[in-house]
Amino acid sequence: MAAPYWAEIRRLTVGLVTARVHERGVDLRLFRAVTLFRFGPAHTATTRGLAECRFAIAGGLLAKEERGWLIFTQRLTETPQLEVSVEDYVPMLSSQRQRRSLRRFVYREVQERAHRAVGRRYLARMARRAR
C-alpha cells in the first residue's frame, strides 16, 4: 500500500523528495540529503474486511516530536475503500500557542497542502489501478 504513496511524493515534487526504504523504515529526503521525515518500519494488521499499514513518525526536519502515524487503511466493503491519514503528528512548522504566526501559515499553506495533494493523487492513481 505504501510504495505507490512514496512514488507519488517523488512524482509530485519532480524528484526533489524521494523515499529511502531500509530495514529500520523509510526516510523522506529532500535532495537525497535532508531528511524531512523518518518513519519506522511498517506495522500491518488485517481483520475481516480491513487491512491497515501504519508507519510511526520517528523524526525528521518537519517533525517536532517522534510521535504520530502515517496510516493506510483499506476496507473491503461492497465498494472497496482506501484511506490515507495522519494521526497524532506534531509538525515542526505549526505553532500550537499562537493562532497567527508565520510558522503556522507556512505549515498550512505548504506542508498541509502538499500532504493533501499527494493523498488525492495517490488515491486517484490507486482507484485507476483497481479498475
C-alpha atoms as a PDB file:
ATOM      1  CA  MET A   1       0.000   0.000   0.000  1.00  0.00           C
ATOM      2  CA  ALA A   2       2.800   2.439   0.793  1.00  0.00           C
ATOM      3  CA  ALA A   3       5.171   2.066  -2.182  1.00  0.00           C
ATOM      4  CA  PRO A   4       2.796   3.886  -4.578  1.00  0.00           C
ATOM      5  CA  TYR A   5       2.470   6.685  -1.979  1.00  0.00           C
ATOM      6  CA  TRP A   6       6.247   7.199  -1.828  1.00  0.00           C
ATOM      7  CA  ALA A   7       6.316   7.170  -5.653  1.00  0.00           C
ATOM      8  CA  GLU A   8       3.568   9.813  -5.739  1.00  0.00           C
ATOM      9  CA  ILE A   9       5.631  12.074  -3.485  1.00  0.00           C
ATOM     10  CA  ARG A  10       8.565  11.717  -5.880  1.00  0.00           C
ATOM     11  CA  ARG A  11       6.341  12.485  -8.892  1.00  0.00           C
ATOM     12  CA  LEU A  12       4.638  15.486  -7.294  1.00  0.00           C
ATOM     13  CA  THR A  13       7.946  17.007  -6.191  1.00  0.00           C
ATOM     14  CA  VAL A  14       9.591  16.267  -9.553  1.00  0.00           C
ATOM     15  CA  GLY A  15      12.146  14.064  -7.822  1.00  0.00           C
ATOM     16  CA  LEU A  16      13.200  16.651  -5.224  1.00  0.00           C
ATOM     17  CA  VAL A  17      11.772  14.491  -2.411  1.00  0.00           C
ATOM     18  CA  THR A  18      12.479  10.763  -2.544  1.00  0.00           C
ATOM     19  CA  ALA A  19      11.846   7.833  -0.240  1.00  0.00           C
ATOM     20  CA  ARG A  20      14.721   5.742   1.019  1.00  0.00           C
ATOM     21  CA  VAL A  21      13.362   2.400   2.210  1.00  0.00           C
ATOM     22  CA  HIS A  22      15.629   0.475   4.591  1.00  0.00           C
ATOM     23  CA  GLU A  23      15.390  -2.146   7.337  1.00  0.00           C
ATOM     24  CA  ARG A  24      14.580   0.487  10.013  1.00  0.00           C
ATOM     25  CA  GLY A  25      11.754   2.063   7.977  1.00  0.00           C
ATOM     26  CA  VAL A  26      11.536   4.864   5.427  1.00  0.00           C
ATOM     27  CA  ASP A  27      13.200   8.262   5.152  1.00  0.00           C
ATOM     28  CA  LEU A  28      11.699  11.010   3.012  1.00  0.00           C
ATOM     29  CA  ARG A  29      14.631  13.092   1.829  1.00  0.00           C
ATOM     30  CA  LEU A  30      14.909  16.434   0.113  1.00  0.00           C
ATOM     31  CA  PHE A  31      17.725  16.458  -2.465  1.00  0.00           C
ATOM     32  CA  ARG A  32      18.673  12.998  -1.116  1.00  0.00           C
ATOM     33  CA  ALA A  33      20.439  14.778   1.743  1.00  0.00           C
ATOM     34  CA  VAL A  34      17.965  16.414   4.161  1.00  0.00           C
ATOM     35  CA  THR A  35      15.643  14.014   5.994  1.00  0.00           C
ATOM     36  CA  LEU A  36      12.226  15.667   6.068  1.00  0.00           C
ATOM     37  CA  PHE A  37      10.532  12.695   7.733  1.00  0.00           C
ATOM     38  CA  ARG A  38      11.783   9.481   9.245  1.00  0.00           C
ATOM     39  CA  PHE A  39       9.259   6.671   9.586  1.00  0.00           C
ATOM     40  CA  GLY A  40       9.637   3.410  11.465  1.00  0.00           C
ATOM     41  CA  PRO A  41       9.027   0.058   9.794  1.00  0.00           C
ATOM     42  CA  ALA A  42       5.558  -0.810   8.546  1.00  0.00           C
ATOM     43  CA  HIS A  43       3.153  -2.251  11.108  1.00  0.00           C
ATOM     44  CA  THR A  44       0.432  -4.193   9.332  1.00  0.00           C
ATOM     45  CA  ALA A  45      -2.771  -5.647  10.673  1.00  0.00           C
ATOM     46  CA  THR A  46      -5.608  -7.416   8.958  1.00  0.00           C
ATOM     47  CA  THR A  47      -9.019  -8.383  10.165  1.00  0.00           C
ATOM     48  CA  ARG A  48     -12.068  -9.483   8.290  1.00  0.00           C
ATOM     49  CA  GLY A  49     -12.728  -6.767   5.737  1.00  0.00           C
ATOM     50  CA  LEU A  50      -9.911  -4.454   6.849  1.00  0.00           C
ATOM     51  CA  ALA A  51      -6.203  -4.120   6.114  1.00  0.00           C
ATOM     52  CA  GLU A  52      -4.089  -1.441   7.741  1.00  0.00           C
ATOM     53  CA  CYS A  53      -0.474  -0.405   7.351  1.00  0.00           C
ATOM     54  CA  ARG A  54       0.975   2.096   9.846  1.00  0.00           C
ATOM     55  CA  PHE A  55       4.292   3.894   9.867  1.00  0.00           C
ATOM     56  CA  ALA A  56       5.361   5.554  13.119  1.00  0.00           C
ATOM     57  CA  ILE A  57       6.675   9.079  12.645  1.00  0.00           C
ATOM     58  CA  ALA A  58      10.185   8.753  14.072  1.00  0.00           C
ATOM     59  CA  GLY A  59      11.567  12.238  13.427  1.00  0.00           C
ATOM     60  CA  GLY A  60      12.966  14.368  10.665  1.00  0.00           C
ATOM     61  CA  LEU A  61      13.200  18.084   9.968  1.00  0.00           C
ATOM     62  CA  LEU A  62       9.411  18.545   9.682  1.00  0.00           C
ATOM     63  CA  ALA A  63       8.501  16.611  12.840  1.00  0.00           C
ATOM     64  CA  LYS A  64       8.635  18.447  16.144  1.00  0.00           C
ATOM     65  CA  GLU A  65       8.420  15.183  18.077  1.00  0.00           C
ATOM     66  CA  GLU A  66       8.908  11.488  17.424  1.00  0.00           C
ATOM     67  CA  ARG A  67       5.191  10.944  17.607  1.00  0.00           C
ATOM     68  CA  GLY A  68       2.283  10.115  15.333  1.00  0.00           C
ATOM     69  CA  TRP A  69       1.428   7.798  12.478  1.00  0.00           C
ATOM     70  CA  LEU A  70       1.037   7.755   8.718  1.00  0.00           C
ATOM     71  CA  ILE A  71      -1.770   5.240   8.135  1.00  0.00           C
ATOM     72  CA  PHE A  72      -3.032   3.434   5.043  1.00  0.00           C
ATOM     73  CA  THR A  73      -6.394   1.720   5.560  1.00  0.00           C
ATOM     74  CA  GLN A  74      -8.223  -0.487   3.082  1.00  0.00           C
ATOM     75  CA  ARG A  75     -11.789  -1.561   3.785  1.00  0.00           C
ATOM     76  CA  LEU A  76     -13.212  -4.420   1.794  1.00  0.00           C
ATOM     77  CA  THR A  77     -16.851  -3.457   1.568  1.00  0.00           C
ATOM     78  CA  GLU A  78     -19.270  -3.691  -1.328  1.00  0.00           C
ATOM     79  CA  THR A  79     -17.377  -0.729  -2.738  1.00  0.00           C
ATOM     80  CA  PRO A  80     -13.740  -1.101  -1.558  1.00  0.00           C
ATOM     81  CA  GLN A  81     -12.374   1.963   0.204  1.00  0.00           C
ATOM     82  CA  LEU A  82      -8.813   3.178   0.586  1.00  0.00           C
ATOM     83  CA  GLU A  83      -7.807   5.916   3.007  1.00  0.00           C
ATOM     84  CA  VAL A  84      -4.533   7.619   3.871  1.00  0.00           C
ATOM     85  CA  SER A  85      -4.378   9.623   7.087  1.00  0.00           C
ATOM     86  CA  VAL A  86      -2.044  11.138   9.649  1.00  0.00           C
ATOM     87  CA  GLU A  87      -2.723  10.753  13.381  1.00  0.00           C
ATOM     88  CA  ASP A  88      -1.149  12.380  16.430  1.00  0.00           C
ATOM     89  CA  TYR A  89       1.558  14.171  14.394  1.00  0.00           C
ATOM     90  CA  VAL A  90       3.198  17.297  15.821  1.00  0.00           C
ATOM     91  CA  PRO A  91       4.564  19.393  12.936  1.00  0.00           C
ATOM     92  CA  MET A  92       7.714  21.440  13.386  1.00  0.00           C
ATOM     93  CA  LEU A  93       6.186  24.345  11.472  1.00  0.00           C
ATOM     94  CA  SER A  94       2.921  24.594  13.355  1.00  0.00           C
ATOM     95  CA  SER A  95       2.639  26.864  16.336  1.00  0.00           C
ATOM     96  CA  GLN A  96       0.312  25.484  18.984  1.00  0.00           C
ATOM     97  CA  ARG A  97       0.387  28.660  21.087  1.00  0.00           C
ATOM     98  CA  GLN A  98      -0.255  31.349  18.508  1.00  0.00           C
ATOM     99  CA  ARG A  99      -3.274  31.355  16.236  1.00  0.00           C
ATOM    100  CA  ARG A 100      -1.471  33.656  13.806  1.00  0.00           C
ATOM    101  CA  SER A 101       2.175  33.038  13.192  1.00  0.00           C
ATOM    102  CA  LEU A 102       4.474  32.707  10.204  1.00  0.00           C
ATOM    103  CA  ARG A 103       5.242  29.082  11.120  1.00  0.00           C
ATOM    104  CA  ARG A 104       1.554  28.180  11.257  1.00  0.00           C
ATOM    105  CA  PHE A 105       0.935  29.987   7.943  1.00  0.00           C
ATOM    106  CA  VAL A 106       3.811  28.160   6.226  1.00  0.00           C
ATOM    107  CA  TYR A 107       2.597  24.838   7.622  1.00  0.00           C
ATOM    108  CA  ARG A 108      -0.970  25.361   6.388  1.00  0.00           C
ATOM    109  CA  GLU A 109      -0.027  26.806   3.018  1.00  0.00           C
ATOM    110  CA  VAL A 110       2.832  24.457   2.153  1.00  0.00           C
ATOM    111  CA  GLN A 111       3.111  21.255   4.172  1.00  0.00           C
ATOM    112  CA  GLU A 112      -0.594  20.642   4.797  1.00  0.00           C
ATOM    113  CA  ARG A 113      -1.473  21.391   1.161  1.00  0.00           C
ATOM    114  CA  ALA A 114       1.330  19.131  -0.071  1.00  0.00           C
ATOM    115  CA  HIS A 115       0.052  16.245   2.072  1.00  0.00           C
ATOM    116  CA  ARG A 116      -3.483  16.707   0.730  1.00  0.00           C
ATOM    117  CA  ALA A 117      -2.222  16.896  -2.873  1.00  0.00           C
ATOM    118  CA  VAL A 118      -0.126  13.745  -2.500  1.00  0.00           C
ATOM    119  CA  GLY A 119      -3.034  11.953  -0.825  1.00  0.00           C
ATOM    120  CA  ARG A 120      -5.521  12.915  -3.558  1.00  0.00           C
ATOM    121  CA  ARG A 121      -3.137  11.905  -6.350  1.00  0.00           C
ATOM    122  CA  TYR A 122      -2.269   8.632  -4.589  1.00  0.00           C
ATOM    123  CA  LEU A 123      -5.927   7.717  -4.077  1.00  0.00           C
ATOM    124  CA  ALA A 124      -6.801   8.621  -7.685  1.00  0.00           C
ATOM    125  CA  ARG A 125      -3.918   6.510  -9.007  1.00  0.00           C
ATOM    126  CA  MET A 126      -4.927   3.554  -6.827  1.00  0.00           C
ATOM    127  CA  ALA A 127      -8.566   3.868  -7.992  1.00  0.00           C
ATOM    128  CA  ARG A 128      -7.417   3.771 -11.624  1.00  0.00           C
ATOM    129  CA  ARG A 129      -5.336   0.669 -10.881  1.00  0.00           C
ATOM    130  CA  ALA A 130      -8.337  -1.043  -9.299  1.00  0.00           C
ATOM    131  CA  ARG A 131     -10.463  -0.620 -12.440  1.00  0.00           C
END
